[in-house]
C-alpha atoms as a PDB file:
ATOM      1  CA  MET A   1     -47.863 -41.703 -25.666  1.00  0.00           C
ATOM      2  CA  ASN A   2     -49.838 -38.453 -25.633  1.00  0.00           C
ATOM      3  CA  ARG A   3     -53.408 -37.609 -24.817  1.00  0.00           C
ATOM      4  CA  SER A   4     -54.621 -38.443 -28.317  1.00  0.00           C
ATOM      5  CA  THR A   5     -53.315 -42.016 -28.345  1.00  0.00           C
ATOM      6  CA  THR A   6     -53.206 -43.269 -24.760  1.00  0.00           C
ATOM      7  CA  PRO A   7     -55.773 -46.077 -24.227  1.00  0.00           C
ATOM      8  CA  ILE A   8     -58.307 -45.481 -21.482  1.00  0.00           C
ATOM      9  CA  ASN A   9     -57.902 -48.324 -18.990  1.00  0.00           C
ATOM     10  CA  GLN A  10     -59.555 -46.943 -15.849  1.00  0.00           C
ATOM     11  CA  ALA A  11     -63.137 -46.248 -14.889  1.00  0.00           C
ATOM     12  CA  ILE A  12     -65.342 -45.102 -12.021  1.00  0.00           C
ATOM     13  CA  ILE A  13     -68.708 -46.602 -11.103  1.00  0.00           C
ATOM     14  CA  LEU A  14     -71.017 -44.630  -8.806  1.00  0.00           C
ATOM     15  CA  ALA A  15     -72.879 -47.123  -6.632  1.00  0.00           C
ATOM     16  CA  GLY A  16     -73.721 -45.162  -3.486  1.00  0.00           C
ATOM     17  CA  GLY A  17     -77.404 -44.240  -3.715  1.00  0.00           C
ATOM     18  CA  GLN A  18     -80.207 -45.716  -1.616  1.00  0.00           C
ATOM     19  CA  ALA A  19     -82.596 -46.004  -4.601  1.00  0.00           C
ATOM     20  CA  THR A  20     -85.848 -45.760  -2.666  1.00  0.00           C
ATOM     21  CA  ARG A  21     -87.866 -46.106  -5.871  1.00  0.00           C
ATOM     22  CA  LEU A  22     -86.411 -49.593  -6.333  1.00  0.00           C
ATOM     23  CA  ARG A  23     -87.736 -50.982  -3.063  1.00  0.00           C
ATOM     24  CA  PRO A  24     -88.200 -53.769  -2.089  1.00  0.00           C
ATOM     25  CA  TYR A  25     -85.167 -54.774  -4.219  1.00  0.00           C
ATOM     26  CA  THR A  26     -82.948 -52.270  -2.422  1.00  0.00           C
ATOM     27  CA  ASP A  27     -84.117 -53.097   1.106  1.00  0.00           C
ATOM     28  CA  THR A  28     -81.169 -55.499   1.386  1.00  0.00           C
ATOM     29  CA  ARG A  29     -78.714 -54.336  -1.277  1.00  0.00           C
ATOM     30  CA  PRO A  30     -77.466 -51.225  -3.090  1.00  0.00           C
ATOM     31  CA  LYS A  31     -78.846 -50.360  -6.496  1.00  0.00           C
ATOM     32  CA  ALA A  32     -75.792 -51.694  -8.335  1.00  0.00           C
ATOM     33  CA  MET A  33     -76.467 -55.128  -6.813  1.00  0.00           C
ATOM     34  CA  VAL A  34     -80.089 -55.316  -7.991  1.00  0.00           C
ATOM     35  CA  GLU A  35     -80.433 -58.329 -10.259  1.00  0.00           C
ATOM     36  CA  VAL A  36     -81.629 -57.884 -13.829  1.00  0.00           C
ATOM     37  CA  ALA A  37     -82.147 -61.144 -15.702  1.00  0.00           C
ATOM     38  CA  ASP A  38     -80.607 -62.942 -12.689  1.00  0.00           C
ATOM     39  CA  ARG A  39     -77.368 -60.917 -12.608  1.00  0.00           C
ATOM     40  CA  PRO A  40     -76.376 -57.806 -10.645  1.00  0.00           C
ATOM     41  CA  ILE A  41     -76.239 -54.605 -12.686  1.00  0.00           C
ATOM     42  CA  ILE A  42     -72.592 -54.055 -11.756  1.00  0.00           C
ATOM     43  CA  ASP A  43     -71.547 -57.396 -13.284  1.00  0.00           C
ATOM     44  CA  TYR A  44     -72.855 -56.305 -16.678  1.00  0.00           C
ATOM     45  CA  GLN A  45     -70.978 -53.027 -16.325  1.00  0.00           C
ATOM     46  CA  LEU A  46     -67.670 -54.608 -15.317  1.00  0.00           C
ATOM     47  CA  GLU A  47     -67.794 -57.084 -18.200  1.00  0.00           C
ATOM     48  CA  TRP A  48     -68.567 -54.311 -20.676  1.00  0.00           C
ATOM     49  CA  LEU A  49     -65.668 -52.186 -19.416  1.00  0.00           C
ATOM     50  CA  ALA A  50     -63.286 -55.156 -19.489  1.00  0.00           C
ATOM     51  CA  GLU A  51     -64.282 -55.895 -23.081  1.00  0.00           C
ATOM     52  CA  TYR A  52     -62.851 -52.504 -24.033  1.00  0.00           C
ATOM     53  CA  GLY A  53     -59.578 -52.830 -22.164  1.00  0.00           C
ATOM     54  CA  VAL A  54     -60.416 -51.319 -18.792  1.00  0.00           C
ATOM     55  CA  GLU A  55     -58.062 -52.836 -16.218  1.00  0.00           C
ATOM     56  CA  HIS A  56     -58.914 -50.887 -13.053  1.00  0.00           C
ATOM     57  CA  VAL A  57     -62.309 -49.716 -11.752  1.00  0.00           C
ATOM     58  CA  VAL A  58     -62.957 -47.542  -8.713  1.00  0.00           C
ATOM     59  CA  VAL A  59     -66.378 -48.284  -7.217  1.00  0.00           C
ATOM     60  CA  SER A  60     -67.753 -45.523  -4.998  1.00  0.00           C
ATOM     61  CA  CYS A  61     -70.411 -46.778  -2.606  1.00  0.00           C
ATOM     62  CA  GLY A  62     -72.184 -45.927   0.634  1.00  0.00           C
ATOM     63  CA  TYR A  63     -75.552 -47.566   1.252  1.00  0.00           C
ATOM     64  CA  LYS A  64     -75.224 -51.304   2.011  1.00  0.00           C
ATOM     65  CA  ALA A  65     -71.533 -51.149   1.111  1.00  0.00           C
ATOM     66  CA  ASP A  66     -70.798 -54.492   2.795  1.00  0.00           C
ATOM     67  CA  VAL A  67     -73.102 -56.309   0.368  1.00  0.00           C
ATOM     68  CA  LEU A  68     -71.257 -54.835  -2.585  1.00  0.00           C
ATOM     69  CA  ARG A  69     -67.836 -55.513  -1.039  1.00  0.00           C
ATOM     70  CA  GLU A  70     -68.655 -59.174  -0.409  1.00  0.00           C
ATOM     71  CA  HIS A  71     -69.825 -59.644  -3.986  1.00  0.00           C
ATOM     72  CA  LEU A  72     -66.813 -57.927  -5.531  1.00  0.00           C
ATOM     73  CA  ASN A  73     -64.380 -59.847  -3.300  1.00  0.00           C
ATOM     74  CA  THR A  74     -65.730 -63.170  -4.550  1.00  0.00           C
ATOM     75  CA  ARG A  75     -65.923 -62.125  -8.187  1.00  0.00           C
ATOM     76  CA  ARG A  76     -63.435 -63.745 -10.560  1.00  0.00           C
ATOM     77  CA  GLY A  77     -61.930 -62.173 -13.652  1.00  0.00           C
ATOM     78  CA  GLY A  78     -62.458 -58.724 -15.065  1.00  0.00           C
ATOM     79  CA  PRO A  79     -60.873 -55.465 -13.939  1.00  0.00           C
ATOM     80  CA  GLU A  80     -59.074 -54.916 -10.653  1.00  0.00           C
ATOM     81  CA  ILE A  81     -61.486 -53.234  -8.222  1.00  0.00           C
ATOM     82  CA  THR A  82     -60.827 -50.469  -5.712  1.00  0.00           C
ATOM     83  CA  LEU A  83     -63.804 -49.927  -3.392  1.00  0.00           C
ATOM     84  CA  LEU A  84     -64.218 -46.540  -1.726  1.00  0.00           C
ATOM     85  CA  VAL A  85     -66.974 -45.946   0.828  1.00  0.00           C
ATOM     86  CA  GLU A  86     -68.557 -42.515   1.268  1.00  0.00           C
ATOM     87  CA  GLU A  87     -68.884 -41.776   4.968  1.00  0.00           C
ATOM     88  CA  GLU A  88     -71.747 -39.401   4.153  1.00  0.00           C
ATOM     89  CA  PRO A  89     -73.639 -38.690   0.910  1.00  0.00           C
ATOM     90  CA  LEU A  90     -71.641 -36.351  -1.317  1.00  0.00           C
ATOM     91  CA  GLY A  91     -73.996 -36.003  -4.259  1.00  0.00           C
ATOM     92  CA  ARG A  92     -73.142 -37.348  -7.690  1.00  0.00           C
ATOM     93  CA  GLY A  93     -70.514 -34.734  -8.468  1.00  0.00           C
ATOM     94  CA  GLY A  94     -68.919 -35.072  -5.054  1.00  0.00           C
ATOM     95  CA  ALA A  95     -68.954 -38.857  -5.356  1.00  0.00           C
ATOM     96  CA  LEU A  96     -67.194 -38.684  -8.722  1.00  0.00           C
ATOM     97  CA  ARG A  97     -64.516 -36.405  -7.318  1.00  0.00           C
ATOM     98  CA  TYR A  98     -64.085 -38.627  -4.254  1.00  0.00           C
ATOM     99  CA  ALA A  99     -63.843 -41.756  -6.403  1.00  0.00           C
ATOM    100  CA  SER A 100     -61.228 -40.133  -8.625  1.00  0.00           C
ATOM    101  CA  SER A 101     -58.857 -40.199  -5.638  1.00  0.00           C
ATOM    102  CA  GLY A 102     -58.675 -43.973  -6.089  1.00  0.00           C
ATOM    103  CA  LEU A 103     -57.486 -43.821  -9.690  1.00  0.00           C
ATOM    104  CA  ARG A 104     -53.912 -44.750 -10.476  1.00  0.00           C
ATOM    105  CA  GLU A 105     -51.540 -41.841 -10.833  1.00  0.00           C
ATOM    106  CA  GLY A 106     -49.761 -40.983 -14.044  1.00  0.00           C
ATOM    107  CA  GLN A 107     -52.567 -42.089 -16.356  1.00  0.00           C
ATOM    108  CA  GLY A 108     -54.888 -40.003 -18.474  1.00  0.00           C
ATOM    109  CA  ALA A 109     -58.610 -39.942 -19.088  1.00  0.00           C
ATOM    110  CA  CYS A 110     -61.095 -42.314 -17.485  1.00  0.00           C
ATOM    111  CA  TYR A 111     -64.612 -43.519 -18.048  1.00  0.00           C
ATOM    112  CA  ALA A 112     -67.334 -42.999 -15.447  1.00  0.00           C
ATOM    113  CA  LEU A 113     -70.706 -44.720 -15.097  1.00  0.00           C
ATOM    114  CA  ASN A 114     -73.751 -44.314 -12.946  1.00  0.00           C
ATOM    115  CA  GLY A 115     -74.416 -47.567 -11.101  1.00  0.00           C
ATOM    116  CA  ASP A 116     -77.937 -47.945 -12.480  1.00  0.00           C
ATOM    117  CA  VAL A 117     -77.166 -47.954 -16.206  1.00  0.00           C
ATOM    118  CA  LEU A 118     -77.304 -50.913 -18.566  1.00  0.00           C
ATOM    119  CA  THR A 119     -75.882 -50.269 -22.003  1.00  0.00           C
ATOM    120  CA  TRP A 120     -73.675 -51.751 -24.688  1.00  0.00           C
ATOM    121  CA  PHE A 121     -72.016 -49.482 -27.213  1.00  0.00           C
ATOM    122  CA  SER A 122     -68.477 -49.089 -28.555  1.00  0.00           C
ATOM    123  CA  LEU A 123     -66.256 -47.384 -26.006  1.00  0.00           C
ATOM    124  CA  GLU A 124     -63.577 -47.174 -28.700  1.00  0.00           C
ATOM    125  CA  GLU A 125     -65.840 -45.007 -30.858  1.00  0.00           C
ATOM    126  CA  PHE A 126     -66.872 -43.021 -27.785  1.00  0.00           C
ATOM    127  CA  THR A 127     -63.221 -42.333 -26.968  1.00  0.00           C
ATOM    128  CA  ASP A 128     -62.355 -41.437 -30.561  1.00  0.00           C
ATOM    129  CA  TYR A 129     -65.222 -38.947 -30.627  1.00  0.00           C
ATOM    130  CA  HIS A 130     -64.125 -37.415 -27.327  1.00  0.00           C
ATOM    131  CA  ARG A 131     -60.565 -36.957 -28.554  1.00  0.00           C
ATOM    132  CA  GLU A 132     -61.654 -35.607 -31.919  1.00  0.00           C
ATOM    133  CA  LYS A 133     -63.655 -32.893 -30.150  1.00  0.00           C
ATOM    134  CA  GLY A 134     -60.796 -32.055 -27.806  1.00  0.00           C
ATOM    135  CA  GLY A 135     -62.949 -31.211 -24.787  1.00  0.00           C
ATOM    136  CA  LEU A 136     -62.439 -31.950 -21.126  1.00  0.00           C
ATOM    137  CA  ALA A 137     -65.508 -34.179 -20.793  1.00  0.00           C
ATOM    138  CA  THR A 138     -67.923 -36.009 -23.082  1.00  0.00           C
ATOM    139  CA  LEU A 139     -71.344 -37.311 -22.101  1.00  0.00           C
ATOM    140  CA  ALA A 140     -73.000 -40.293 -23.726  1.00  0.00           C
ATOM    141  CA  LEU A 141     -76.537 -39.283 -24.718  1.00  0.00           C
ATOM    142  CA  ALA A 142     -79.557 -41.556 -24.998  1.00  0.00           C
ATOM    143  CA  GLN A 143     -82.651 -40.657 -26.978  1.00  0.00           C
ATOM    144  CA  TYR A 144     -85.532 -39.877 -24.660  1.00  0.00           C
ATOM    145  CA  ARG A 145     -88.334 -42.438 -24.544  1.00  0.00           C
ATOM    146  CA  THR A 146     -91.511 -41.227 -22.891  1.00  0.00           C
ATOM    147  CA  ASN A 147     -93.312 -43.447 -20.399  1.00  0.00           C
ATOM    148  CA  TRP A 148     -96.620 -42.212 -21.769  1.00  0.00           C
ATOM    149  CA  GLY A 149     -98.461 -43.418 -24.831  1.00  0.00           C
ATOM    150  CA  ILE A 150     -98.899 -40.940 -27.704  1.00  0.00           C
ATOM    151  CA  VAL A 151    -102.219 -40.385 -29.427  1.00  0.00           C
ATOM    152  CA  ASP A 152    -101.948 -39.973 -33.198  1.00  0.00           C
ATOM    153  CA  VAL A 153    -104.606 -37.351 -33.924  1.00  0.00           C
ATOM    154  CA  THR A 154    -105.345 -35.259 -37.021  1.00  0.00           C
ATOM    155  CA  GLU A 155    -106.126 -31.542 -37.102  1.00  0.00           C
ATOM    156  CA  ASP A 156    -109.880 -32.264 -37.198  1.00  0.00           C
ATOM    157  CA  GLY A 157    -109.658 -34.461 -34.093  1.00  0.00           C
ATOM    158  CA  THR A 158    -109.786 -37.870 -35.754  1.00  0.00           C
ATOM    159  CA  ILE A 159    -107.742 -40.414 -33.802  1.00  0.00           C
ATOM    160  CA  GLU A 160    -105.765 -42.594 -36.171  1.00  0.00           C
ATOM    161  CA  GLY A 161    -104.010 -44.753 -33.616  1.00  0.00           C
ATOM    162  CA  PHE A 162    -101.783 -44.955 -30.557  1.00  0.00           C
ATOM    163  CA  THR A 163     -98.031 -45.289 -30.092  1.00  0.00           C
ATOM    164  CA  GLN A 164     -96.848 -46.714 -26.779  1.00  0.00           C
ATOM    165  CA  SER A 165     -93.734 -45.110 -25.234  1.00  0.00           C
ATOM    166  CA  PRO A 166     -92.175 -43.713 -28.424  1.00  0.00           C
ATOM    167  CA  LEU A 167     -88.711 -42.227 -28.763  1.00  0.00           C
ATOM    168  CA  LEU A 168     -88.871 -38.442 -28.866  1.00  0.00           C
ATOM    169  CA  PRO A 169     -86.482 -36.016 -30.644  1.00  0.00           C
ATOM    170  CA  PHE A 170     -84.670 -35.138 -27.411  1.00  0.00           C
ATOM    171  CA  TRP A 171     -81.482 -36.437 -25.811  1.00  0.00           C
ATOM    172  CA  ILE A 172     -80.773 -37.133 -22.142  1.00  0.00           C
ATOM    173  CA  ASN A 173     -77.637 -37.683 -20.098  1.00  0.00           C
ATOM    174  CA  ALA A 174     -77.075 -41.452 -20.312  1.00  0.00           C
ATOM    175  CA  GLY A 175     -74.868 -41.597 -17.210  1.00  0.00           C
ATOM    176  CA  VAL A 176     -71.703 -42.646 -19.063  1.00  0.00           C
ATOM    177  CA  TYR A 177     -68.796 -40.218 -19.413  1.00  0.00           C
ATOM    178  CA  VAL A 178     -65.226 -39.697 -20.520  1.00  0.00           C
ATOM    179  CA  PHE A 179     -63.353 -37.356 -18.187  1.00  0.00           C
ATOM    180  CA  GLU A 180     -59.924 -35.882 -18.682  1.00  0.00           C
ATOM    181  CA  ARG A 181     -58.015 -35.504 -15.422  1.00  0.00           C
ATOM    182  CA  GLU A 182     -58.430 -31.719 -15.634  1.00  0.00           C
ATOM    183  CA  ALA A 183     -62.213 -32.172 -15.608  1.00  0.00           C
ATOM    184  CA  LEU A 184     -62.130 -34.381 -12.508  1.00  0.00           C
ATOM    185  CA  ALA A 185     -60.344 -31.599 -10.648  1.00  0.00           C
ATOM    186  CA  LEU A 186     -63.229 -29.255 -11.498  1.00  0.00           C
ATOM    187  CA  LEU A 187     -65.911 -31.465  -9.929  1.00  0.00           C
ATOM    188  CA  PRO A 188     -67.543 -30.194  -6.716  1.00  0.00           C
ATOM    189  CA  GLU A 189     -66.560 -31.693  -3.370  1.00  0.00           C
ATOM    190  CA  GLU A 190     -70.275 -31.983  -2.642  1.00  0.00           C
ATOM    191  CA  GLY A 191     -73.307 -31.627  -4.864  1.00  0.00           C
ATOM    192  CA  ASP A 192     -74.299 -32.343  -8.438  1.00  0.00           C
ATOM    193  CA  HIS A 193     -71.891 -31.843 -11.338  1.00  0.00           C
ATOM    194  CA  GLU A 194     -74.831 -31.220 -13.674  1.00  0.00           C
ATOM    195  CA  ALA A 195     -75.612 -28.037 -11.737  1.00  0.00           C
ATOM    196  CA  THR A 196     -72.031 -26.781 -11.467  1.00  0.00           C
ATOM    197  CA  THR A 197     -69.184 -28.316 -13.474  1.00  0.00           C
ATOM    198  CA  PHE A 198     -71.105 -29.221 -16.623  1.00  0.00           C
ATOM    199  CA  PRO A 199     -72.719 -25.789 -17.165  1.00  0.00           C
ATOM    200  CA  ASP A 200     -69.321 -24.153 -16.664  1.00  0.00           C
ATOM    201  CA  LEU A 201     -67.617 -26.474 -19.157  1.00  0.00           C
ATOM    202  CA  ALA A 202     -70.471 -26.020 -21.634  1.00  0.00           C
ATOM    203  CA  ALA A 203     -70.145 -22.232 -21.422  1.00  0.00           C
ATOM    204  CA  GLU A 204     -66.442 -22.592 -22.204  1.00  0.00           C
ATOM    205  CA  GLY A 205     -67.060 -24.931 -25.173  1.00  0.00           C
ATOM    206  CA  ARG A 206     -65.240 -27.820 -23.482  1.00  0.00           C
ATOM    207  CA  LEU A 207     -68.193 -30.214 -22.998  1.00  0.00           C
ATOM    208  CA  PHE A 208     -69.532 -32.488 -25.740  1.00  0.00           C
ATOM    209  CA  GLY A 209     -72.276 -35.060 -26.249  1.00  0.00           C
ATOM    210  CA  TYR A 210     -72.030 -38.435 -27.989  1.00  0.00           C
ATOM    211  CA  ARG A 211     -75.327 -39.875 -29.221  1.00  0.00           C
ATOM    212  CA  ILE A 212     -75.667 -43.590 -28.494  1.00  0.00           C
ATOM    213  CA  ASN A 213     -77.034 -45.770 -31.268  1.00  0.00           C
ATOM    214  CA  ALA A 214     -77.352 -48.940 -29.210  1.00  0.00           C
ATOM    215  CA  PHE A 215     -79.208 -50.458 -26.268  1.00  0.00           C
ATOM    216  CA  TRP A 216     -79.452 -48.216 -23.224  1.00  0.00           C
ATOM    217  CA  ARG A 217     -81.605 -48.556 -20.140  1.00  0.00           C
ATOM    218  CA  GLY A 218     -81.617 -46.727 -16.841  1.00  0.00           C
ATOM    219  CA  VAL A 219     -82.838 -48.894 -13.941  1.00  0.00           C
ATOM    220  CA  ASP A 220     -84.663 -46.535 -11.588  1.00  0.00           C
ATOM    221  CA  THR A 221     -87.915 -48.311 -10.697  1.00  0.00           C
ATOM    222  CA  VAL A 222     -89.367 -51.773 -10.149  1.00  0.00           C
ATOM    223  CA  LYS A 223     -90.935 -51.487 -13.601  1.00  0.00           C
ATOM    224  CA  ASP A 224     -87.491 -50.885 -15.117  1.00  0.00           C
ATOM    225  CA  VAL A 225     -86.135 -54.050 -13.486  1.00  0.00           C
ATOM    226  CA  LYS A 226     -88.979 -56.155 -14.869  1.00  0.00           C
ATOM    227  CA  GLU A 227     -88.803 -54.692 -18.369  1.00  0.00           C
ATOM    228  CA  ALA A 228     -85.002 -54.851 -18.568  1.00  0.00           C
ATOM    229  CA  SER A 229     -85.113 -58.478 -17.394  1.00  0.00           C
ATOM    230  CA  GLU A 230     -87.217 -59.216 -20.463  1.00  0.00           C
ATOM    231  CA  GLN A 231     -85.210 -57.065 -22.866  1.00  0.00           C
ATOM    232  CA  ILE A 232     -81.712 -58.296 -22.062  1.00  0.00           C
ATOM    233  CA  PRO A 233     -82.211 -62.036 -22.766  1.00  0.00           C
ATOM    234  CA  ALA A 234     -83.873 -61.126 -26.049  1.00  0.00           C
ATOM    235  CA  LEU A 235     -81.027 -58.738 -26.877  1.00  0.00           C
ATOM    236  CA  ARG A 236     -78.357 -61.327 -26.045  1.00  0.00           C
ATOM    237  CA  SER A 237     -80.089 -64.023 -28.071  1.00  0.00           C
ATOM    238  CA  GLY A 238     -80.586 -61.709 -31.038  1.00  0.00           C
ATOM    239  CA  THR A 239     -84.366 -62.079 -31.089  1.00  0.00           C
END
C-alpha cells in the first residue's frame, strides 16, 4: 500500500503541561486527566481515535505522570498505549518530536492531539482531505468563538441587541493534526512548532488547514470544564 491508501492507525497525545489555569483541578492530576462530565479528557480522545481505527497511541506526559500511568494501566479496551515521560519540558513542538520516537516503525502518517481538546469529527474525511492536498501536515481548524458579548449597534448608535460569545469569521488551530513522517522529522527538539516548523512548511506550500464542522472545545480554564460538562451530555443525548 502507498501513502495515498495506507490507513492511519497511530496517534500521539500531548499530555505534559501543568495547566495552571485549570487549578484546583490540576493540583493533583495532569490536564488530560481532568474530568469533564465525570470522565477524564483522555478517555474521550482514546475512544474517538479507536472509533476511526487507531490501534496504537503514544502519550507524552511530564507533570503528574504517575497519575496518568495508573489510569492508563487500568483502562480496558481501546488502542494500545505507549507512555513516554519528558524529563524536562520540551515545548509543544519538542514534545511532539519526542513522542514520535515511540511510534511503530515502518508505518506512515499519524494523528496528533493536544491533551486538552474535546472534539468529534470524521477522521476519515480529515485524512482524505490531507491526502488530496498532498502536504506534509494538515491542521484541523475550529471557528473562533469570542468570550466577549457583541453589541449589535447601528451607524447612528442605536443598540438593537446583544449576542453572547458569537462565532467570528476567523479560524484557529484546533490542536488536531495529521503528520507525515517527513514532517515529524522537521519538528524542533525543543520549542513550539507553530513558531518554527509550521511557518517553514507554510512558506513551502506543504501545510494545509481542514475546517471542522462539528463540536470542538478546548479545555483551558475552570470555566471551560464547567461549560463542557454541560455541553457534552446534551450533545450525546441529541438535545
